[in-house]
Protein backbone atom coordinates (compact mmCIF):
# COMPACT_ATOMS: atom_id res chain seq x y z
CA ILE A 1 25.71 128.93 36.43
CA ARG A 2 26.69 125.92 38.43
CA GLN A 3 24.33 126.89 41.14
CA MET A 4 21.47 127.38 38.75
CA MET A 5 22.11 123.91 37.34
CA GLU A 6 21.93 122.45 40.80
CA ASP A 7 18.77 124.35 41.56
CA ILE A 8 17.19 123.22 38.19
CA SER A 9 18.15 119.63 39.07
CA VAL A 10 16.61 120.01 42.54
CA TYR A 11 13.49 121.55 40.98
CA ARG A 12 13.17 118.58 38.71
CA GLN A 13 13.49 116.13 41.43
CA GLU A 14 10.90 118.03 43.55
CA ARG A 15 8.64 118.20 40.41
CA GLU A 16 8.82 114.34 39.87
CA ARG A 17 8.10 113.83 43.56
CA TYR A 18 5.04 116.13 43.49
CA GLN A 19 3.82 114.33 40.33
CA GLN A 20 4.14 111.05 41.89
CA GLU A 21 2.25 112.41 44.99
CA VAL A 22 -0.61 113.70 42.65
CA GLN A 23 -0.73 110.26 40.81
CA GLU A 24 -0.79 108.52 44.21
CA LEU A 25 -3.52 110.90 45.40
CA LYS A 26 -5.56 110.37 42.41
CA HIS A 27 -5.34 106.66 42.57
CA LYS A 28 -6.28 106.74 46.16
CA THR A 29 -9.23 109.13 45.40
CA LYS A 30 -10.48 106.60 42.67
CA CYS A 31 -10.15 103.64 44.95
CA THR A 32 -11.93 105.38 47.77
CA LEU A 33 -14.65 106.51 45.33
CA GLY A 34 -15.12 103.02 44.07
CA SER A 35 -15.17 101.54 47.51
CA LEU A 36 -17.75 104.22 48.51
CA GLU A 37 -19.86 103.42 45.46
CA LYS A 38 -19.73 99.72 46.29
CA MET A 39 -20.79 100.12 49.96
CA TRP A 40 -23.67 102.58 48.80
CA LYS A 41 -24.84 99.99 46.54
CA GLU A 42 -24.80 97.32 49.25
CA ASP A 43 -26.58 99.68 51.68
CA LEU A 44 -29.19 100.26 49.16
CA SER A 45 -29.77 96.71 48.52
CA VAL A 46 -30.00 95.89 52.16
CA ALA A 47 -32.41 98.74 52.67
CA LEU A 48 -34.74 97.61 49.66
CA GLU A 49 -34.61 94.15 51.13
CA TRP A 50 -35.64 95.21 54.51
CA GLU A 51 -38.19 97.49 53.15
CA SER A 52 -39.68 94.54 51.28
CA LYS A 53 -39.58 92.33 54.55
CA ASP A 54 -41.15 95.26 56.53
CA GLN A 55 -43.91 95.59 53.85
CA VAL A 56 -44.73 91.76 54.19
CA LEU A 57 -44.70 92.16 57.99
CA LEU A 58 -46.95 95.23 57.76
CA VAL A 59 -49.50 93.04 55.60
CA SER A 60 -49.34 90.24 58.04
CA ILE A 61 -50.02 92.55 61.11
CA ASN A 62 -52.81 94.12 59.38
CA SER A 63 -54.39 90.81 58.45
CA LEU A 64 -54.06 89.68 61.98
CA LEU A 65 -55.60 93.01 63.31
CA GLU A 66 -58.56 92.37 60.96
CA GLN A 67 -58.95 88.88 62.30
CA LEU A 68 -58.87 90.11 65.84
CA LYS A 69 -61.43 92.76 65.02
CA THR A 70 -63.69 90.06 63.43
CA ARG A 71 -63.13 87.74 66.45
CA GLU A 72 -64.00 90.76 68.70
CA HIS A 73 -67.31 91.36 67.06
CA GLN A 74 -68.10 87.64 67.22
CA LEU A 75 -67.47 87.49 70.91
CA MET A 76 -69.54 90.69 71.59
CA ASP A 77 -72.40 89.09 69.53
CA VAL A 78 -72.07 85.86 71.60
CA SER A 79 -72.02 87.87 74.90
CA THR A 80 -74.99 90.00 73.75
CA LEU A 81 -76.83 86.71 72.78
CA LEU A 82 -75.99 85.20 76.13
CA HIS A 83 -77.10 88.16 78.07
CA LEU A 84 -80.39 88.25 76.28
CA GLN A 85 -80.93 84.53 76.92
CA MET A 86 -80.15 85.08 80.62
CA LEU A 87 -82.64 87.88 80.91
CA ASP A 88 -85.26 85.71 79.06
CA PHE A 89 -84.44 82.67 81.40
CA SER A 90 -84.59 85.08 84.56
CA LYS A 91 -88.01 86.35 83.27
CA ARG A 92 -89.25 82.70 83.02
CA LEU A 93 -87.96 81.81 86.26
CA GLY A 94 -89.63 84.99 87.74
CA ASP A 95 -92.90 84.29 85.98
CA LYS A 96 -92.84 80.57 87.26
CA ALA A 97 -92.16 81.78 90.82
CA ALA A 98 -95.07 84.34 90.52
CA ALA A 99 -97.41 81.75 89.19
CA LYS A 100 -96.29 79.28 91.99
CA ARG A 101 -97.12 81.99 94.48
CA GLN A 102 -100.42 82.71 93.06
CA ASN A 103 -101.28 78.83 93.02
CA GLN A 104 -100.13 78.56 96.69
CA GLN A 105 -102.41 81.62 97.59
CA LYS A 106 -105.36 80.07 95.75
CA ILE A 107 -104.84 76.91 97.57
CA MET A 108 -104.71 78.66 100.93
CA THR A 109 -107.73 80.74 100.26
CA HIS A 110 -109.85 77.74 99.32
């Protein structure tokens, strides 16, 4: 009986120790879960903030791209106009040179 009483006493001590360990584990689990939830919320907040900033940047880049396309078209228009004027000017010079040659030929034939 004495041995049984000692065994019961040892089992009670072990049971108390295990119950304390279970309580500690529950507490640690609860703290870890709370910490993870807090970090998840912070991560989500940062992700949303950067998503918003990325959207602003994307809008700015698209606006700049449209401005560059408009500028490219304007420069192409100017380039085309200059080319046409150079062709016209070249034609006029050619016409004047031809007229001058004809005048010189007329003078020489008379």
